[in-house]
Amino acid sequence: MRTMPTDTRKQILHRARRRTQWALALLCVAGNSFGGSILFIGNSFTFAFGSPVQYYRADTVTDLNSAGQGGVPALFKSFTVQAGLNYDVYLETEPGVGIDWHLQHKLAVIGQRPWDTVIMHGYSTLDPKKPGDPAVLIASVRQMAGFLRARNAKVKIGVMATWPRADQTYQPRGAWFGKPIEAMAHDVRDGYNRAAAGTPGIKVIPVGDAWIRAMHAGVADSNPFDGIEAGKVNLWADDSYHASTYGDYLEALVLFGSITGGDPRGLGDHECSGFELGLSAAQVTALQQVAFDQLAAEGTLKAAMPTPAAKITSALKCKASR
């Protein structure tokens, strides 16, 4: 009888321990997550205009406007399914608008049921007429929260602080022209912080900060107008305004960690949606690490979740996660 090499035995035991840790971690996340119904209210930054994510797995979520879009909510849904969580995901979106527009035009749609969780965001410059001014955002978050809480007093509400726009920073007509990319990210985040402070019980989800962290970590390029550095990804789409597949993926990872409390790294380097959307294992790993680091810095995540031992290696296995 052949004796198993010591290194092989150690590897098998290590994988077994990791599988056990992963199972326990999933149970922990499932027990602490919001679960139930979740509605995403937003614009093209939610439905992922300009990237393949826009119509990705649209059949796994419910578009309340019947536009047939999956967008970032479908990525979130995919992550939660892979993590063993049960979310019923909906989106209500309109291009080029803020929360104030949804208040004026979509309350009948939004109010059709009491939601367990709602995630929303405003216009990309806070105010299209007064870039950087959070007054409309602050007022509309307060009003929307009141409307949602009238339907369900226990609804969990989050506001997503969006990313800085390269076209607004590096082009002469941009409102942040001449300033570093971090300046717009800071101003947008400050606006969402003030909106959250103005309405108790609102959580800020730091997507824009995660984008800046990706740039500082050498994962993403900070200026698409001077070319993309080798080995880095471009988080913006071709218009240097919306998100690319990489940007949408990072957005969804931050949402996943913020909403469920699960470590994005626990999805693994062969995470299904990354595989389907053409990201390499190294890119998936790097973006998951950025999302975790940002959420850890925010105090949202305090403990690491182990990476699953089983790796998805084929499209067939990915389809099984639907």
C-alpha atoms as a PDB file:
ATOM      1  CA  MET A   1       0.000   0.000   0.000  1.00  0.00           C
ATOM      2  CA  ARG A   2       1.402   3.375  -1.071  1.00  0.00           C
ATOM      3  CA  THR A   3       1.903   5.994   1.631  1.00  0.00           C
ATOM      4  CA  MET A   4       0.420   9.382   0.925  1.00  0.00           C
ATOM      5  CA  PRO A   5       3.111  12.113   0.855  1.00  0.00           C
ATOM      6  CA  THR A   6       3.098  14.358   3.905  1.00  0.00           C
ATOM      7  CA  ASP A   7       2.555  17.500   1.807  1.00  0.00           C
ATOM      8  CA  THR A   8      -0.488  15.932   0.145  1.00  0.00           C
ATOM      9  CA  ARG A   9      -2.010  14.957   3.496  1.00  0.00           C
ATOM     10  CA  LYS A  10      -1.468  18.462   4.797  1.00  0.00           C
ATOM     11  CA  GLN A  11      -3.103  19.927   1.701  1.00  0.00           C
ATOM     12  CA  ILE A  12      -6.153  17.678   2.085  1.00  0.00           C
ATOM     13  CA  LEU A  13      -6.511  18.543   5.780  1.00  0.00           C
ATOM     14  CA  HIS A  14      -6.082  22.232   4.988  1.00  0.00           C
ATOM     15  CA  ARG A  15      -8.793  22.110   2.319  1.00  0.00           C
ATOM     16  CA  ALA A  16     -11.117  20.235   4.681  1.00  0.00           C
ATOM     17  CA  ARG A  17     -10.621  22.851   7.390  1.00  0.00           C
ATOM     18  CA  ARG A  18     -11.266  25.640   4.898  1.00  0.00           C
ATOM     19  CA  ARG A  19     -14.485  23.947   3.718  1.00  0.00           C
ATOM     20  CA  THR A  20     -15.672  23.680   7.320  1.00  0.00           C
ATOM     21  CA  GLN A  21     -14.760  27.311   8.019  1.00  0.00           C
ATOM     22  CA  TRP A  22     -16.554  28.404   4.858  1.00  0.00           C
ATOM     23  CA  ALA A  23     -19.720  26.521   5.822  1.00  0.00           C
ATOM     24  CA  LEU A  24     -19.686  28.038   9.316  1.00  0.00           C
ATOM     25  CA  ALA A  25     -19.048  31.491   7.897  1.00  0.00           C
ATOM     26  CA  LEU A  26     -21.979  31.168   5.523  1.00  0.00           C
ATOM     27  CA  LEU A  27     -24.230  30.171   8.411  1.00  0.00           C
ATOM     28  CA  CYS A  28     -23.020  33.213  10.325  1.00  0.00           C
ATOM     29  CA  VAL A  29     -23.677  35.550   7.408  1.00  0.00           C
ATOM     30  CA  ALA A  30     -27.070  34.001   6.728  1.00  0.00           C
ATOM     31  CA  GLY A  31     -28.016  34.476  10.351  1.00  0.00           C
ATOM     32  CA  ASN A  32     -26.912  38.114  10.446  1.00  0.00           C
ATOM     33  CA  SER A  33     -27.965  39.294   6.975  1.00  0.00           C
ATOM     34  CA  PHE A  34     -31.072  41.373   6.304  1.00  0.00           C
ATOM     35  CA  GLY A  35     -32.474  38.853   3.810  1.00  0.00           C
ATOM     36  CA  GLY A  36     -35.964  39.096   2.370  1.00  0.00           C
ATOM     37  CA  SER A  37     -36.900  41.672  -0.248  1.00  0.00           C
ATOM     38  CA  ILE A  38     -34.440  44.312  -1.395  1.00  0.00           C
ATOM     39  CA  LEU A  39     -35.107  47.227  -3.743  1.00  0.00           C
ATOM     40  CA  PHE A  40     -32.432  49.224  -5.559  1.00  0.00           C
ATOM     41  CA  ILE A  41     -33.530  52.768  -6.492  1.00  0.00           C
ATOM     42  CA  GLY A  42     -31.185  54.599  -8.823  1.00  0.00           C
ATOM     43  CA  ASN A  43     -30.194  55.503 -12.333  1.00  0.00           C
ATOM     44  CA  SER A  44     -27.702  54.254 -14.929  1.00  0.00           C
ATOM     45  CA  PHE A  45     -25.149  53.726 -12.164  1.00  0.00           C
ATOM     46  CA  THR A  46     -27.469  51.002 -10.867  1.00  0.00           C
ATOM     47  CA  PHE A  47     -28.610  49.436 -14.134  1.00  0.00           C
ATOM     48  CA  ALA A  48     -25.022  49.550 -15.443  1.00  0.00           C
ATOM     49  CA  PHE A  49     -25.348  51.513 -18.669  1.00  0.00           C
ATOM     50  CA  GLY A  50     -22.341  51.088 -20.933  1.00  0.00           C
ATOM     51  CA  SER A  51     -21.248  47.634 -19.782  1.00  0.00           C
ATOM     52  CA  PRO A  52     -22.353  44.033 -20.392  1.00  0.00           C
ATOM     53  CA  VAL A  53     -23.711  44.029 -16.854  1.00  0.00           C
ATOM     54  CA  GLN A  54     -26.762  46.048 -17.976  1.00  0.00           C
ATOM     55  CA  TYR A  55     -28.681  42.982 -19.169  1.00  0.00           C
ATOM     56  CA  TYR A  56     -26.748  40.397 -17.192  1.00  0.00           C
ATOM     57  CA  ARG A  57     -28.966  37.695 -15.630  1.00  0.00           C
ATOM     58  CA  ALA A  58     -32.021  39.921 -15.943  1.00  0.00           C
ATOM     59  CA  ASP A  59     -34.223  36.887 -15.328  1.00  0.00           C
ATOM     60  CA  THR A  60     -32.923  36.572 -11.751  1.00  0.00           C
ATOM     61  CA  VAL A  61     -34.220  39.967 -10.601  1.00  0.00           C
ATOM     62  CA  THR A  62     -37.422  41.977 -11.046  1.00  0.00           C
ATOM     63  CA  ASP A  63     -37.210  45.251 -12.962  1.00  0.00           C
ATOM     64  CA  LEU A  64     -40.216  47.229 -11.691  1.00  0.00           C
ATOM     65  CA  ASN A  65     -40.141  49.357 -14.850  1.00  0.00           C
ATOM     66  CA  SER A  66     -40.136  46.276 -17.097  1.00  0.00           C
ATOM     67  CA  ALA A  67     -37.052  47.422 -19.003  1.00  0.00           C
ATOM     68  CA  GLY A  68     -35.538  43.942 -18.802  1.00  0.00           C
ATOM     69  CA  GLN A  69     -32.370  45.086 -17.049  1.00  0.00           C
ATOM     70  CA  GLY A  70     -30.316  43.094 -14.578  1.00  0.00           C
ATOM     71  CA  GLY A  71     -27.514  45.507 -13.835  1.00  0.00           C
ATOM     72  CA  VAL A  72     -25.662  45.640 -10.554  1.00  0.00           C
ATOM     73  CA  PRO A  73     -28.686  44.209  -8.671  1.00  0.00           C
ATOM     74  CA  ALA A  74     -28.302  41.011 -10.709  1.00  0.00           C
ATOM     75  CA  LEU A  75     -24.624  40.830  -9.738  1.00  0.00           C
ATOM     76  CA  PHE A  76     -25.621  41.279  -6.101  1.00  0.00           C
ATOM     77  CA  LYS A  77     -28.202  38.523  -6.513  1.00  0.00           C
ATOM     78  CA  SER A  78     -25.572  36.193  -7.985  1.00  0.00           C
ATOM     79  CA  PHE A  79     -23.193  36.831  -5.089  1.00  0.00           C
ATOM     80  CA  THR A  80     -25.885  36.141  -2.502  1.00  0.00           C
ATOM     81  CA  VAL A  81     -26.981  32.908  -4.190  1.00  0.00           C
ATOM     82  CA  GLN A  82     -23.381  31.690  -4.215  1.00  0.00           C
ATOM     83  CA  ALA A  83     -23.106  32.595  -0.535  1.00  0.00           C
ATOM     84  CA  GLY A  84     -26.254  30.632   0.274  1.00  0.00           C
ATOM     85  CA  LEU A  85     -28.366  33.701   1.059  1.00  0.00           C
ATOM     86  CA  ASN A  86     -31.962  34.294   0.030  1.00  0.00           C
ATOM     87  CA  TYR A  87     -32.752  37.750  -1.330  1.00  0.00           C
ATOM     88  CA  ASP A  88     -35.693  38.670  -3.528  1.00  0.00           C
ATOM     89  CA  VAL A  89     -34.113  41.438  -5.634  1.00  0.00           C
ATOM     90  CA  TYR A  90     -35.906  44.333  -7.359  1.00  0.00           C
ATOM     91  CA  LEU A  91     -34.748  47.479  -9.143  1.00  0.00           C
ATOM     92  CA  GLU A  92     -36.477  50.754  -9.992  1.00  0.00           C
ATOM     93  CA  THR A  93     -34.258  52.938 -12.160  1.00  0.00           C
ATOM     94  CA  GLU A  94     -34.311  55.859 -14.574  1.00  0.00           C
ATOM     95  CA  PRO A  95     -31.285  57.282 -16.434  1.00  0.00           C
ATOM     96  CA  GLY A  96     -29.871  60.660 -15.491  1.00  0.00           C
ATOM     97  CA  VAL A  97     -31.960  61.375 -12.398  1.00  0.00           C
ATOM     98  CA  GLY A  98     -31.676  61.657  -8.643  1.00  0.00           C
ATOM     99  CA  ILE A  99     -33.842  60.403  -5.799  1.00  0.00           C
ATOM    100  CA  ASP A 100     -35.991  63.520  -6.122  1.00  0.00           C
ATOM    101  CA  TRP A 101     -37.187  62.305  -9.549  1.00  0.00           C
ATOM    102  CA  HIS A 102     -38.286  58.968  -8.122  1.00  0.00           C
ATOM    103  CA  LEU A 103     -40.202  60.822  -5.419  1.00  0.00           C
ATOM    104  CA  GLN A 104     -42.018  62.856  -8.040  1.00  0.00           C
ATOM    105  CA  HIS A 105     -42.747  60.066 -10.522  1.00  0.00           C
ATOM    106  CA  LYS A 106     -42.427  56.584  -9.014  1.00  0.00           C
ATOM    107  CA  LEU A 107     -43.914  56.443  -5.535  1.00  0.00           C
ATOM    108  CA  ALA A 108     -46.821  54.336  -6.785  1.00  0.00           C
ATOM    109  CA  VAL A 109     -44.322  51.765  -8.055  1.00  0.00           C
ATOM    110  CA  ILE A 110     -41.998  51.949  -5.056  1.00  0.00           C
ATOM    111  CA  GLY A 111     -44.854  51.836  -2.585  1.00  0.00           C
ATOM    112  CA  GLN A 112     -46.490  48.713  -3.967  1.00  0.00           C
ATOM    113  CA  ARG A 113     -45.081  46.656  -1.094  1.00  0.00           C
ATOM    114  CA  PRO A 114     -43.261  47.106   2.230  1.00  0.00           C
ATOM    115  CA  TRP A 115     -39.571  46.452   1.568  1.00  0.00           C
ATOM    116  CA  ASP A 116     -37.127  44.794   3.954  1.00  0.00           C
ATOM    117  CA  THR A 117     -34.114  46.646   2.523  1.00  0.00           C
ATOM    118  CA  VAL A 118     -33.786  49.606   0.166  1.00  0.00           C
ATOM    119  CA  ILE A 119     -30.559  50.894  -1.372  1.00  0.00           C
ATOM    120  CA  MET A 120     -30.669  54.205  -3.246  1.00  0.00           C
ATOM    121  CA  HIS A 121     -28.440  56.881  -4.705  1.00  0.00           C
ATOM    122  CA  GLY A 122     -28.763  60.274  -6.299  1.00  0.00           C
ATOM    123  CA  TYR A 123     -27.310  62.011  -9.339  1.00  0.00           C
ATOM    124  CA  SER A 124     -23.595  61.481  -9.966  1.00  0.00           C
ATOM    125  CA  THR A 125     -22.591  65.098  -9.253  1.00  0.00           C
ATOM    126  CA  LEU A 126     -25.080  65.336  -6.346  1.00  0.00           C
ATOM    127  CA  ASP A 127     -27.015  68.035  -8.218  1.00  0.00           C
ATOM    128  CA  PRO A 128     -26.931  68.313 -12.045  1.00  0.00           C
ATOM    129  CA  LYS A 129     -27.491  72.089 -11.871  1.00  0.00           C
ATOM    130  CA  LYS A 130     -25.202  72.736  -8.904  1.00  0.00           C
ATOM    131  CA  PRO A 131     -22.438  70.089  -8.963  1.00  0.00           C
ATOM    132  CA  GLY A 132     -21.209  69.290  -5.486  1.00  0.00           C
ATOM    133  CA  ASP A 133     -24.238  70.744  -3.706  1.00  0.00           C
ATOM    134  CA  PRO A 134     -25.891  68.039  -1.542  1.00  0.00           C
ATOM    135  CA  ALA A 135     -29.012  70.010  -0.579  1.00  0.00           C
ATOM    136  CA  VAL A 136     -31.362  68.139  -2.956  1.00  0.00           C
ATOM    137  CA  LEU A 137     -29.847  64.799  -1.971  1.00  0.00           C
ATOM    138  CA  ILE A 138     -30.233  65.500   1.742  1.00  0.00           C
ATOM    139  CA  ALA A 139     -33.873  66.512   1.356  1.00  0.00           C
ATOM    140  CA  SER A 140     -34.798  63.668  -0.986  1.00  0.00           C
ATOM    141  CA  VAL A 141     -33.172  60.994   1.202  1.00  0.00           C
ATOM    142  CA  ARG A 142     -35.155  62.274   4.168  1.00  0.00           C
ATOM    143  CA  GLN A 143     -38.410  62.288   2.203  1.00  0.00           C
ATOM    144  CA  MET A 144     -37.881  58.861   0.631  1.00  0.00           C
ATOM    145  CA  ALA A 145     -36.928  57.341   3.977  1.00  0.00           C
ATOM    146  CA  GLY A 146     -40.125  58.695   5.499  1.00  0.00           C
ATOM    147  CA  PHE A 147     -42.172  57.197   2.689  1.00  0.00           C
ATOM    148  CA  LEU A 148     -40.483  53.800   2.981  1.00  0.00           C
ATOM    149  CA  ARG A 149     -40.768  53.694   6.765  1.00  0.00           C
ATOM    150  CA  ALA A 150     -44.477  54.477   6.558  1.00  0.00           C
ATOM    151  CA  ARG A 151     -44.821  51.164   4.706  1.00  0.00           C
ATOM    152  CA  ASN A 152     -42.388  49.256   6.950  1.00  0.00           C
ATOM    153  CA  ALA A 153     -41.016  50.883  10.085  1.00  0.00           C
ATOM    154  CA  LYS A 154     -38.196  48.324  10.227  1.00  0.00           C
ATOM    155  CA  VAL A 155     -36.941  48.771   6.652  1.00  0.00           C
ATOM    156  CA  LYS A 156     -33.129  48.862   6.379  1.00  0.00           C
ATOM    157  CA  ILE A 157     -32.050  51.821   4.224  1.00  0.00           C
ATOM    158  CA  GLY A 158     -28.670  52.427   2.630  1.00  0.00           C
ATOM    159  CA  VAL A 159     -27.415  55.231   0.395  1.00  0.00           C
ATOM    160  CA  MET A 160     -24.683  54.422  -2.090  1.00  0.00           C
ATOM    161  CA  ALA A 161     -21.961  57.056  -2.339  1.00  0.00           C
ATOM    162  CA  THR A 162     -21.136  56.864  -6.054  1.00  0.00           C
ATOM    163  CA  TRP A 163     -17.790  57.054  -7.828  1.00  0.00           C
ATOM    164  CA  PRO A 164     -15.944  60.110  -9.156  1.00  0.00           C
ATOM    165  CA  ARG A 165     -16.310  60.754 -12.886  1.00  0.00           C
ATOM    166  CA  ALA A 166     -13.178  60.986 -14.994  1.00  0.00           C
ATOM    167  CA  ASP A 167     -14.952  63.262 -17.480  1.00  0.00           C
ATOM    168  CA  GLN A 168     -15.788  65.692 -14.674  1.00  0.00           C
ATOM    169  CA  THR A 169     -12.207  65.691 -13.410  1.00  0.00           C
ATOM    170  CA  TYR A 170      -9.901  65.534 -16.405  1.00  0.00           C
ATOM    171  CA  GLN A 171     -11.888  67.446 -19.027  1.00  0.00           C
ATOM    172  CA  PRO A 172     -11.958  71.285 -19.168  1.00  0.00           C
ATOM    173  CA  ARG A 173     -15.743  71.478 -18.884  1.00  0.00           C
ATOM    174  CA  GLY A 174     -15.845  69.254 -15.797  1.00  0.00           C
ATOM    175  CA  ALA A 175     -16.958  70.694 -12.469  1.00  0.00           C
ATOM    176  CA  TRP A 176     -13.851  69.233 -10.782  1.00  0.00           C
ATOM    177  CA  PHE A 177     -11.400  70.053 -13.582  1.00  0.00           C
ATOM    178  CA  GLY A 178      -7.911  70.803 -12.305  1.00  0.00           C
ATOM    179  CA  LYS A 179      -8.472  68.892  -9.073  1.00  0.00           C
ATOM    180  CA  PRO A 180      -7.308  65.337  -8.275  1.00  0.00           C
ATOM    181  CA  ILE A 181      -9.757  62.482  -8.829  1.00  0.00           C
ATOM    182  CA  GLU A 182      -9.906  62.078  -5.048  1.00  0.00           C
ATOM    183  CA  ALA A 183     -11.495  65.535  -4.736  1.00  0.00           C
ATOM    184  CA  MET A 184     -14.717  64.559  -6.479  1.00  0.00           C
ATOM    185  CA  ALA A 185     -14.863  61.276  -4.569  1.00  0.00           C
ATOM    186  CA  HIS A 186     -14.456  63.190  -1.306  1.00  0.00           C
ATOM    187  CA  ASP A 187     -17.146  65.737  -2.167  1.00  0.00           C
ATOM    188  CA  VAL A 188     -19.629  63.060  -3.227  1.00  0.00           C
ATOM    189  CA  ARG A 189     -18.963  60.994  -0.103  1.00  0.00           C
ATOM    190  CA  ASP A 190     -19.342  64.091   2.066  1.00  0.00           C
ATOM    191  CA  GLY A 191     -22.728  64.739   0.472  1.00  0.00           C
ATOM    192  CA  TYR A 192     -23.927  61.232   1.286  1.00  0.00           C
ATOM    193  CA  ASN A 193     -22.518  61.469   4.805  1.00  0.00           C
ATOM    194  CA  ARG A 194     -24.530  64.633   5.323  1.00  0.00           C
ATOM    195  CA  ALA A 195     -27.642  63.001   3.886  1.00  0.00           C
ATOM    196  CA  ALA A 196     -27.234  60.082   6.290  1.00  0.00           C
ATOM    197  CA  ALA A 197     -26.627  62.425   9.212  1.00  0.00           C
ATOM    198  CA  GLY A 198     -29.807  64.310   8.335  1.00  0.00           C
ATOM    199  CA  THR A 199     -31.949  61.173   8.535  1.00  0.00           C
ATOM    200  CA  PRO A 200     -31.254  58.788  11.429  1.00  0.00           C
ATOM    201  CA  GLY A 201     -30.739  55.113  10.654  1.00  0.00           C
ATOM    202  CA  ILE A 202     -29.302  55.559   7.156  1.00  0.00           C
ATOM    203  CA  LYS A 203     -26.182  53.612   6.196  1.00  0.00           C
ATOM    204  CA  VAL A 204     -23.627  54.963   3.704  1.00  0.00           C
ATOM    205  CA  ILE A 205     -22.198  52.404   1.264  1.00  0.00           C
ATOM    206  CA  PRO A 206     -18.709  53.559   0.155  1.00  0.00           C
ATOM    207  CA  VAL A 207     -18.512  52.623  -3.511  1.00  0.00           C
ATOM    208  CA  GLY A 208     -16.662  55.772  -4.588  1.00  0.00           C
ATOM    209  CA  ASP A 209     -14.089  55.331  -1.834  1.00  0.00           C
ATOM    210  CA  ALA A 210     -13.526  51.749  -2.980  1.00  0.00           C
ATOM    211  CA  TRP A 211     -12.787  53.038  -6.487  1.00  0.00           C
ATOM    212  CA  ILE A 212     -10.156  55.410  -5.105  1.00  0.00           C
ATOM    213  CA  ARG A 213      -8.709  52.606  -2.982  1.00  0.00           C
ATOM    214  CA  ALA A 214      -8.426  50.437  -6.100  1.00  0.00           C
ATOM    215  CA  MET A 215      -6.423  53.210  -7.768  1.00  0.00           C
ATOM    216  CA  HIS A 216      -4.136  53.704  -4.784  1.00  0.00           C
ATOM    217  CA  ALA A 217      -3.584  49.944  -4.550  1.00  0.00           C
ATOM    218  CA  GLY A 218      -2.447  49.768  -8.162  1.00  0.00           C
ATOM    219  CA  VAL A 219      -5.432  47.682  -9.214  1.00  0.00           C
ATOM    220  CA  ALA A 220      -7.131  50.385 -11.300  1.00  0.00           C
ATOM    221  CA  ASP A 221      -5.888  53.245 -13.456  1.00  0.00           C
ATOM    222  CA  SER A 222      -6.771  56.717 -12.184  1.00  0.00           C
ATOM    223  CA  ASN A 223      -6.891  58.601 -15.507  1.00  0.00           C
ATOM    224  CA  PRO A 224      -8.267  56.913 -18.644  1.00  0.00           C
ATOM    225  CA  PHE A 225      -7.473  59.982 -20.748  1.00  0.00           C
ATOM    226  CA  ASP A 226      -3.714  59.369 -20.635  1.00  0.00           C
ATOM    227  CA  GLY A 227      -3.946  55.629 -21.346  1.00  0.00           C
ATOM    228  CA  ILE A 228      -4.413  52.610 -19.102  1.00  0.00           C
ATOM    229  CA  GLU A 229      -1.253  51.396 -17.400  1.00  0.00           C
ATOM    230  CA  ALA A 230      -0.249  47.799 -18.003  1.00  0.00           C
ATOM    231  CA  GLY A 231      -1.639  45.413 -15.429  1.00  0.00           C
ATOM    232  CA  LYS A 232      -4.355  47.813 -14.295  1.00  0.00           C
ATOM    233  CA  VAL A 233      -8.070  47.850 -15.062  1.00  0.00           C
ATOM    234  CA  ASN A 234     -10.200  50.781 -16.183  1.00  0.00           C
ATOM    235  CA  LEU A 235     -13.141  51.139 -13.814  1.00  0.00           C
ATOM    236  CA  TRP A 236     -14.885  53.521 -16.209  1.00  0.00           C
ATOM    237  CA  ALA A 237     -16.727  52.623 -19.392  1.00  0.00           C
ATOM    238  CA  ASP A 238     -15.703  54.132 -22.733  1.00  0.00           C
ATOM    239  CA  ASP A 239     -17.450  57.419 -21.895  1.00  0.00           C
ATOM    240  CA  SER A 240     -15.269  57.870 -18.774  1.00  0.00           C
ATOM    241  CA  TYR A 241     -18.521  58.538 -16.922  1.00  0.00           C
ATOM    242  CA  HIS A 242     -20.310  55.259 -16.301  1.00  0.00           C
ATOM    243  CA  ALA A 243     -18.723  52.113 -14.935  1.00  0.00           C
ATOM    244  CA  SER A 244     -17.037  49.396 -16.956  1.00  0.00           C
ATOM    245  CA  THR A 245     -17.591  45.739 -16.130  1.00  0.00           C
ATOM    246  CA  TYR A 246     -14.727  46.062 -13.624  1.00  0.00           C
ATOM    247  CA  GLY A 247     -16.326  49.110 -12.024  1.00  0.00           C
ATOM    248  CA  ASP A 248     -19.736  47.452 -11.818  1.00  0.00           C
ATOM    249  CA  TYR A 249     -18.143  44.353 -10.332  1.00  0.00           C
ATOM    250  CA  LEU A 250     -16.409  46.377  -7.607  1.00  0.00           C
ATOM    251  CA  GLU A 251     -19.646  48.275  -6.946  1.00  0.00           C
ATOM    252  CA  ALA A 252     -21.535  44.993  -6.485  1.00  0.00           C
ATOM    253  CA  LEU A 253     -18.842  43.576  -4.188  1.00  0.00           C
ATOM    254  CA  VAL A 254     -19.041  46.617  -1.909  1.00  0.00           C
ATOM    255  CA  LEU A 255     -22.830  46.372  -1.881  1.00  0.00           C
ATOM    256  CA  PHE A 256     -22.636  42.667  -1.070  1.00  0.00           C
ATOM    257  CA  GLY A 257     -20.306  43.207   1.879  1.00  0.00           C
ATOM    258  CA  SER A 258     -22.189  46.245   3.180  1.00  0.00           C
ATOM    259  CA  ILE A 259     -25.632  44.674   2.987  1.00  0.00           C
ATOM    260  CA  THR A 260     -24.953  41.075   4.024  1.00  0.00           C
ATOM    261  CA  GLY A 261     -21.948  41.534   6.294  1.00  0.00           C
ATOM    262  CA  GLY A 262     -20.103  38.869   4.304  1.00  0.00           C
ATOM    263  CA  ASP A 263     -16.461  39.171   3.319  1.00  0.00           C
ATOM    264  CA  PRO A 264     -16.359  39.633  -0.497  1.00  0.00           C
ATOM    265  CA  ARG A 265     -13.152  37.581  -0.593  1.00  0.00           C
ATOM    266  CA  GLY A 266     -15.164  34.591   0.572  1.00  0.00           C
ATOM    267  CA  LEU A 267     -16.709  34.376  -2.908  1.00  0.00           C
ATOM    268  CA  GLY A 268     -13.354  33.132  -4.182  1.00  0.00           C
ATOM    269  CA  ASP A 269     -11.110  33.827  -7.161  1.00  0.00           C
ATOM    270  CA  HIS A 270     -13.325  31.697  -9.416  1.00  0.00           C
ATOM    271  CA  GLU A 271     -16.511  33.499  -8.413  1.00  0.00           C
ATOM    272  CA  CYS A 272     -19.214  32.698 -10.933  1.00  0.00           C
ATOM    273  CA  SER A 273     -20.219  36.114 -12.284  1.00  0.00           C
ATOM    274  CA  GLY A 274     -16.634  37.241 -12.682  1.00  0.00           C
ATOM    275  CA  PHE A 275     -16.041  34.070 -14.702  1.00  0.00           C
ATOM    276  CA  GLU A 276     -19.103  34.697 -16.865  1.00  0.00           C
ATOM    277  CA  LEU A 277     -18.219  38.343 -17.476  1.00  0.00           C
ATOM    278  CA  GLY A 278     -14.672  37.565 -18.552  1.00  0.00           C
ATOM    279  CA  LEU A 279     -12.658  38.746 -15.561  1.00  0.00           C
ATOM    280  CA  SER A 280      -9.495  36.848 -14.802  1.00  0.00           C
ATOM    281  CA  ALA A 281      -9.018  35.092 -11.470  1.00  0.00           C
ATOM    282  CA  ALA A 282      -6.345  37.643 -10.586  1.00  0.00           C
ATOM    283  CA  GLN A 283      -8.677  40.560 -11.347  1.00  0.00           C
ATOM    284  CA  VAL A 284     -11.484  39.012  -9.307  1.00  0.00           C
ATOM    285  CA  THR A 285      -9.148  38.451  -6.369  1.00  0.00           C
ATOM    286  CA  ALA A 286      -7.792  41.999  -6.532  1.00  0.00           C
ATOM    287  CA  LEU A 287     -11.236  43.613  -6.679  1.00  0.00           C
ATOM    288  CA  GLN A 288     -12.535  41.430  -3.852  1.00  0.00           C
ATOM    289  CA  GLN A 289      -9.548  42.475  -1.739  1.00  0.00           C
ATOM    290  CA  VAL A 290     -10.185  46.158  -2.449  1.00  0.00           C
ATOM    291  CA  ALA A 291     -13.846  45.806  -1.463  1.00  0.00           C
ATOM    292  CA  PHE A 292     -12.893  44.034   1.762  1.00  0.00           C
ATOM    293  CA  ASP A 293     -10.207  46.579   2.634  1.00  0.00           C
ATOM    294  CA  GLN A 294     -12.614  49.483   2.157  1.00  0.00           C
ATOM    295  CA  LEU A 295     -15.337  47.876   4.239  1.00  0.00           C
ATOM    296  CA  ALA A 296     -12.829  46.925   6.931  1.00  0.00           C
ATOM    297  CA  ALA A 297     -11.602  50.525   7.016  1.00  0.00           C
ATOM    298  CA  GLU A 298     -15.225  51.651   7.447  1.00  0.00           C
ATOM    299  CA  GLY A 299     -15.711  49.204  10.313  1.00  0.00           C
ATOM    300  CA  THR A 300     -18.382  47.323   8.357  1.00  0.00           C
ATOM    301  CA  LEU A 301     -16.383  44.090   8.271  1.00  0.00           C
ATOM    302  CA  LYS A 302     -14.265  43.098  11.240  1.00  0.00           C
ATOM    303  CA  ALA A 303     -13.322  39.496  10.511  1.00  0.00           C
ATOM    304  CA  ALA A 304     -12.128  37.727   7.406  1.00  0.00           C
ATOM    305  CA  MET A 305     -14.236  35.038   5.818  1.00  0.00           C
ATOM    306  CA  PRO A 306     -12.253  32.110   4.393  1.00  0.00           C
ATOM    307  CA  THR A 307     -12.091  31.494   0.678  1.00  0.00           C
ATOM    308  CA  PRO A 308     -14.197  28.505  -0.411  1.00  0.00           C
ATOM    309  CA  ALA A 309     -12.233  25.389  -1.274  1.00  0.00           C
ATOM    310  CA  ALA A 310     -14.347  24.507  -4.317  1.00  0.00           C
ATOM    311  CA  LYS A 311     -13.536  26.595  -7.383  1.00  0.00           C
ATOM    312  CA  ILE A 312     -15.869  27.190 -10.308  1.00  0.00           C
ATOM    313  CA  THR A 313     -14.091  26.174 -13.488  1.00  0.00           C
ATOM    314  CA  SER A 314     -16.832  25.936 -16.097  1.00  0.00           C
ATOM    315  CA  ALA A 315     -19.837  27.836 -17.386  1.00  0.00           C
ATOM    316  CA  LEU A 316     -21.977  24.811 -16.528  1.00  0.00           C
ATOM    317  CA  LYS A 317     -21.167  25.155 -12.830  1.00  0.00           C
ATOM    318  CA  CYS A 318     -21.877  28.869 -13.028  1.00  0.00           C
ATOM    319  CA  LYS A 319     -25.350  28.242 -14.416  1.00  0.00           C
ATOM    320  CA  ALA A 320     -26.041  25.993 -11.450  1.00  0.00           C
ATOM    321  CA  SER A 321     -25.708  28.998  -9.145  1.00  0.00           C
ATOM    322  CA  ARG A 322     -28.738  30.764 -10.602  1.00  0.00           C
END
